[in-house]
Amino acid sequence: MVTMTDRMTRAATLKSAPARLLRNSALAIAGHIPGVPAKLARLLAELDNR
């Protein structure tokens, strides 16, 4: 759980403009793929971690 939290924090706080653009573009594309938004929501909410 700590590892995932660290990864998500790093992704959310990127300082490099190209890295932010890549992150935002990837998330925008992933949001249009069936099933991916629900999977991302579960991953971000850490509902599958025990």
PDB file of N, CA and C in Angstrom:
ATOM      1  N   MET A   1       0.830  -1.189   0.000  1.00  0.00           N
ATOM      2  CA  MET A   1       0.000   0.000   0.000  1.00  0.00           C
ATOM      3  C   MET A   1       0.873   1.252   0.000  1.00  0.00           C
ATOM      4  N   VAL A   2       1.941   1.221   0.774  1.00  0.00           N
ATOM      5  CA  VAL A   2       2.822   2.385   0.850  1.00  0.00           C
ATOM      6  C   VAL A   2       3.486   2.641  -0.498  1.00  0.00           C
ATOM      7  N   THR A   3       3.868   1.579  -1.178  1.00  0.00           N
ATOM      8  CA  THR A   3       4.504   1.723  -2.491  1.00  0.00           C
ATOM      9  C   THR A   3       3.558   2.379  -3.483  1.00  0.00           C
ATOM     10  N   MET A   4       2.315   1.926  -3.506  1.00  0.00           N
ATOM     11  CA  MET A   4       1.341   2.502  -4.440  1.00  0.00           C
ATOM     12  C   MET A   4       1.074   3.968  -4.099  1.00  0.00           C
ATOM     13  N   THR A   5       0.975   4.284  -2.830  1.00  0.00           N
ATOM     14  CA  THR A   5       0.753   5.667  -2.413  1.00  0.00           C
ATOM     15  C   THR A   5       1.910   6.541  -2.857  1.00  0.00           C
ATOM     16  N   ASP A   6       3.125   6.048  -2.718  1.00  0.00           N
ATOM     17  CA  ASP A   6       4.315   6.796  -3.145  1.00  0.00           C
ATOM     18  C   ASP A   6       4.285   7.028  -4.653  1.00  0.00           C
ATOM     19  N   ARG A   7       3.954   6.001  -5.412  1.00  0.00           N
ATOM     20  CA  ARG A   7       3.886   6.145  -6.869  1.00  0.00           C
ATOM     21  C   ARG A   7       2.832   7.157  -7.283  1.00  0.00           C
ATOM     22  N   MET A   8       1.680   7.083  -6.658  1.00  0.00           N
ATOM     23  CA  MET A   8       0.596   8.007  -7.022  1.00  0.00           C
ATOM     24  C   MET A   8       0.953   9.443  -6.648  1.00  0.00           C
ATOM     25  N   THR A   9       1.605   9.632  -5.515  1.00  0.00           N
ATOM     26  CA  THR A   9       2.021  10.973  -5.100  1.00  0.00           C
ATOM     27  C   THR A   9       3.042  11.533  -6.075  1.00  0.00           C
ATOM     28  N   ARG A  10       3.999  10.703  -6.469  1.00  0.00           N
ATOM     29  CA  ARG A  10       5.008  11.161  -7.438  1.00  0.00           C
ATOM     30  C   ARG A  10       4.360  11.532  -8.768  1.00  0.00           C
ATOM     31  N   ALA A  11       3.420  10.720  -9.224  1.00  0.00           N
ATOM     32  CA  ALA A  11       2.744  11.006 -10.493  1.00  0.00           C
ATOM     33  C   ALA A  11       1.914  12.285 -10.405  1.00  0.00           C
ATOM     34  N   ALA A  12       1.283  12.505  -9.259  1.00  0.00           N
ATOM     35  CA  ALA A  12       0.421  13.676  -9.090  1.00  0.00           C
ATOM     36  C   ALA A  12       1.215  14.972  -8.947  1.00  0.00           C
ATOM     37  N   THR A  13       2.473  14.875  -8.524  1.00  0.00           N
ATOM     38  CA  THR A  13       3.260  16.076  -8.245  1.00  0.00           C
ATOM     39  C   THR A  13       4.441  16.241  -9.201  1.00  0.00           C
ATOM     40  N   LEU A  14       4.304  15.752 -10.421  1.00  0.00           N
ATOM     41  CA  LEU A  14       5.376  15.901 -11.407  1.00  0.00           C
ATOM     42  C   LEU A  14       5.673  17.374 -11.644  1.00  0.00           C
ATOM     43  N   LYS A  15       6.949  17.712 -11.738  1.00  0.00           N
ATOM     44  CA  LYS A  15       7.343  19.099 -11.961  1.00  0.00           C
ATOM     45  C   LYS A  15       7.653  19.380 -13.421  1.00  0.00           C
ATOM     46  N   SER A  16       8.072  18.370 -14.143  1.00  0.00           N
ATOM     47  CA  SER A  16       8.440  18.519 -15.542  1.00  0.00           C
ATOM     48  C   SER A  16       7.185  18.673 -16.407  1.00  0.00           C
ATOM     49  N   ALA A  17       7.149  19.728 -17.199  1.00  0.00           N
ATOM     50  CA  ALA A  17       6.001  19.956 -18.081  1.00  0.00           C
ATOM     51  C   ALA A  17       5.791  18.806 -19.068  1.00  0.00           C
ATOM     52  N   PRO A  18       6.850  18.294 -19.705  1.00  0.00           N
ATOM     53  CA  PRO A  18       6.634  17.157 -20.622  1.00  0.00           C
ATOM     54  C   PRO A  18       6.101  15.914 -19.898  1.00  0.00           C
ATOM     55  N   ALA A  19       6.566  15.666 -18.695  1.00  0.00           N
ATOM     56  CA  ALA A  19       6.091  14.515 -17.928  1.00  0.00           C
ATOM     57  C   ALA A  19       4.619  14.688 -17.559  1.00  0.00           C
ATOM     58  N   ARG A  20       4.213  15.904 -17.180  1.00  0.00           N
ATOM     59  CA  ARG A  20       2.807  16.163 -16.859  1.00  0.00           C
ATOM     60  C   ARG A  20       1.933  15.989 -18.092  1.00  0.00           C
ATOM     61  N   LEU A  21       2.422  16.458 -19.243  1.00  0.00           N
ATOM     62  CA  LEU A  21       1.677  16.312 -20.488  1.00  0.00           C
ATOM     63  C   LEU A  21       1.498  14.833 -20.829  1.00  0.00           C
ATOM     64  N   LEU A  22       2.544  14.058 -20.679  1.00  0.00           N
ATOM     65  CA  LEU A  22       2.469  12.628 -20.947  1.00  0.00           C
ATOM     66  C   LEU A  22       1.494  11.942 -19.992  1.00  0.00           C
ATOM     67  N   ARG A  23       1.576  12.276 -18.694  1.00  0.00           N
ATOM     68  CA  ARG A  23       0.659  11.714 -17.703  1.00  0.00           C
ATOM     69  C   ARG A  23      -0.790  12.059 -18.030  1.00  0.00           C
ATOM     70  N   ASN A  24      -1.033  13.314 -18.311  1.00  0.00           N
ATOM     71  CA  ASN A  24      -2.399  13.761 -18.594  1.00  0.00           C
ATOM     72  C   ASN A  24      -2.941  13.144 -19.878  1.00  0.00           C
ATOM     73  N   SER A  25      -2.109  13.041 -20.887  1.00  0.00           N
ATOM     74  CA  SER A  25      -2.530  12.434 -22.153  1.00  0.00           C
ATOM     75  C   SER A  25      -2.837  10.953 -21.972  1.00  0.00           C
ATOM     76  N   ALA A  26      -1.977  10.248 -21.251  1.00  0.00           N
ATOM     77  CA  ALA A  26      -2.187   8.817 -21.014  1.00  0.00           C
ATOM     78  C   ALA A  26      -3.481   8.581 -20.242  1.00  0.00           C
ATOM     79  N   LEU A  27      -3.742   9.404 -19.246  1.00  0.00           N
ATOM     80  CA  LEU A  27      -4.977   9.247 -18.474  1.00  0.00           C
ATOM     81  C   LEU A  27      -6.208   9.583 -19.303  1.00  0.00           C
ATOM     82  N   ALA A  28      -6.099  10.579 -20.162  1.00  0.00           N
ATOM     83  CA  ALA A  28      -7.232  10.938 -21.023  1.00  0.00           C
ATOM     84  C   ALA A  28      -7.559   9.800 -21.983  1.00  0.00           C
ATOM     85  N   ILE A  29      -6.533   9.203 -22.560  1.00  0.00           N
ATOM     86  CA  ILE A  29      -6.743   8.075 -23.479  1.00  0.00           C
ATOM     87  C   ILE A  29      -7.289   6.871 -22.717  1.00  0.00           C
ATOM     88  N   ALA A  30      -6.691   6.565 -21.574  1.00  0.00           N
ATOM     89  CA  ALA A  30      -7.124   5.407 -20.780  1.00  0.00           C
ATOM     90  C   ALA A  30      -8.576   5.561 -20.340  1.00  0.00           C
ATOM     91  N   GLY A  31      -9.001   6.785 -20.124  1.00  0.00           N
ATOM     92  CA  GLY A  31     -10.372   7.035 -19.687  1.00  0.00           C
ATOM     93  C   GLY A  31     -11.428   6.690 -20.719  1.00  0.00           C
ATOM     94  N   HIS A  32     -11.013   6.488 -21.949  1.00  0.00           N
ATOM     95  CA  HIS A  32     -11.951   6.155 -23.019  1.00  0.00           C
ATOM     96  C   HIS A  32     -11.927   4.669 -23.377  1.00  0.00           C
ATOM     97  N   ILE A  33     -11.112   3.890 -22.705  1.00  0.00           N
ATOM     98  CA  ILE A  33     -11.030   2.454 -22.972  1.00  0.00           C
ATOM     99  C   ILE A  33     -11.982   1.745 -22.007  1.00  0.00           C
ATOM    100  N   PRO A  34     -12.905   0.956 -22.540  1.00  0.00           N
ATOM    101  CA  PRO A  34     -13.882   0.276 -21.673  1.00  0.00           C
ATOM    102  C   PRO A  34     -13.206  -0.535 -20.558  1.00  0.00           C
ATOM    103  N   GLY A  35     -13.693  -0.328 -19.354  1.00  0.00           N
ATOM    104  CA  GLY A  35     -13.196  -1.061 -18.195  1.00  0.00           C
ATOM    105  C   GLY A  35     -12.022  -0.416 -17.488  1.00  0.00           C
ATOM    106  N   VAL A  36     -11.268   0.405 -18.190  1.00  0.00           N
ATOM    107  CA  VAL A  36     -10.078   1.014 -17.592  1.00  0.00           C
ATOM    108  C   VAL A  36     -10.434   2.030 -16.506  1.00  0.00           C
ATOM    109  N   PRO A  37     -11.415   2.922 -16.711  1.00  0.00           N
ATOM    110  CA  PRO A  37     -11.733   3.872 -15.640  1.00  0.00           C
ATOM    111  C   PRO A  37     -12.107   3.181 -14.318  1.00  0.00           C
ATOM    112  N   ALA A  38     -12.885   2.114 -14.397  1.00  0.00           N
ATOM    113  CA  ALA A  38     -13.274   1.397 -13.173  1.00  0.00           C
ATOM    114  C   ALA A  38     -12.055   0.754 -12.519  1.00  0.00           C
ATOM    115  N   LYS A  39     -11.171   0.181 -13.337  1.00  0.00           N
ATOM    116  CA  LYS A  39      -9.953  -0.448 -12.802  1.00  0.00           C
ATOM    117  C   LYS A  39      -9.054   0.604 -12.146  1.00  0.00           C
ATOM    118  N   LEU A  40      -8.911   1.747 -12.800  1.00  0.00           N
ATOM    119  CA  LEU A  40      -8.099   2.825 -12.226  1.00  0.00           C
ATOM    120  C   LEU A  40      -8.693   3.333 -10.916  1.00  0.00           C
ATOM    121  N   ALA A  41     -10.004   3.449 -10.863  1.00  0.00           N
ATOM    122  CA  ALA A  41     -10.658   3.911  -9.642  1.00  0.00           C
ATOM    123  C   ALA A  41     -10.385   2.952  -8.494  1.00  0.00           C
ATOM    124  N   ARG A  42     -10.497   1.643  -8.752  1.00  0.00           N
ATOM    125  CA  ARG A  42     -10.223   0.644  -7.706  1.00  0.00           C
ATOM    126  C   ARG A  42      -8.759   0.696  -7.290  1.00  0.00           C
ATOM    127  N   LEU A  43      -7.868   0.873  -8.273  1.00  0.00           N
ATOM    128  CA  LEU A  43      -6.434   0.939  -7.980  1.00  0.00           C
ATOM    129  C   LEU A  43      -6.120   2.159  -7.119  1.00  0.00           C
ATOM    130  N   LEU A  44      -6.649   3.315  -7.505  1.00  0.00           N
ATOM    131  CA  LEU A  44      -6.384   4.548  -6.761  1.00  0.00           C
ATOM    132  C   LEU A  44      -7.004   4.533  -5.369  1.00  0.00           C
ATOM    133  N   ALA A  45      -8.146   3.881  -5.242  1.00  0.00           N
ATOM    134  CA  ALA A  45      -8.811   3.788  -3.935  1.00  0.00           C
ATOM    135  C   ALA A  45      -8.202   2.678  -3.075  1.00  0.00           C
ATOM    136  N   GLU A  46      -7.294   1.913  -3.692  1.00  0.00           N
ATOM    137  CA  GLU A  46      -6.629   0.797  -3.006  1.00  0.00           C
ATOM    138  C   GLU A  46      -7.622  -0.187  -2.426  1.00  0.00           C
ATOM    139  N   LEU A  47      -8.714  -0.434  -3.163  1.00  0.00           N
ATOM    140  CA  LEU A  47      -9.749  -1.360  -2.693  1.00  0.00           C
ATOM    141  C   LEU A  47      -9.336  -2.814  -2.852  1.00  0.00           C
ATOM    142  N   ASP A  48      -8.383  -3.095  -3.734  1.00  0.00           N
ATOM    143  CA  ASP A  48      -7.961  -4.468  -3.945  1.00  0.00           C
ATOM    144  C   ASP A  48      -6.766  -4.869  -3.082  1.00  0.00           C
ATOM    145  N   ASN A  49      -6.216  -3.925  -2.344  1.00  0.00           N
ATOM    146  CA  ASN A  49      -5.063  -4.222  -1.469  1.00  0.00           C
ATOM    147  C   ASN A  49      -5.513  -4.764  -0.141  1.00  0.00           C
ATOM    148  N   ARG A  50      -4.802  -5.758   0.324  1.00  0.00           N
ATOM    149  CA  ARG A  50      -5.112  -6.327   1.641  1.00  0.00           C
ATOM    150  C   ARG A  50      -3.908  -6.324   2.520  1.00  0.00           C
TER     151      ARG A  50
END
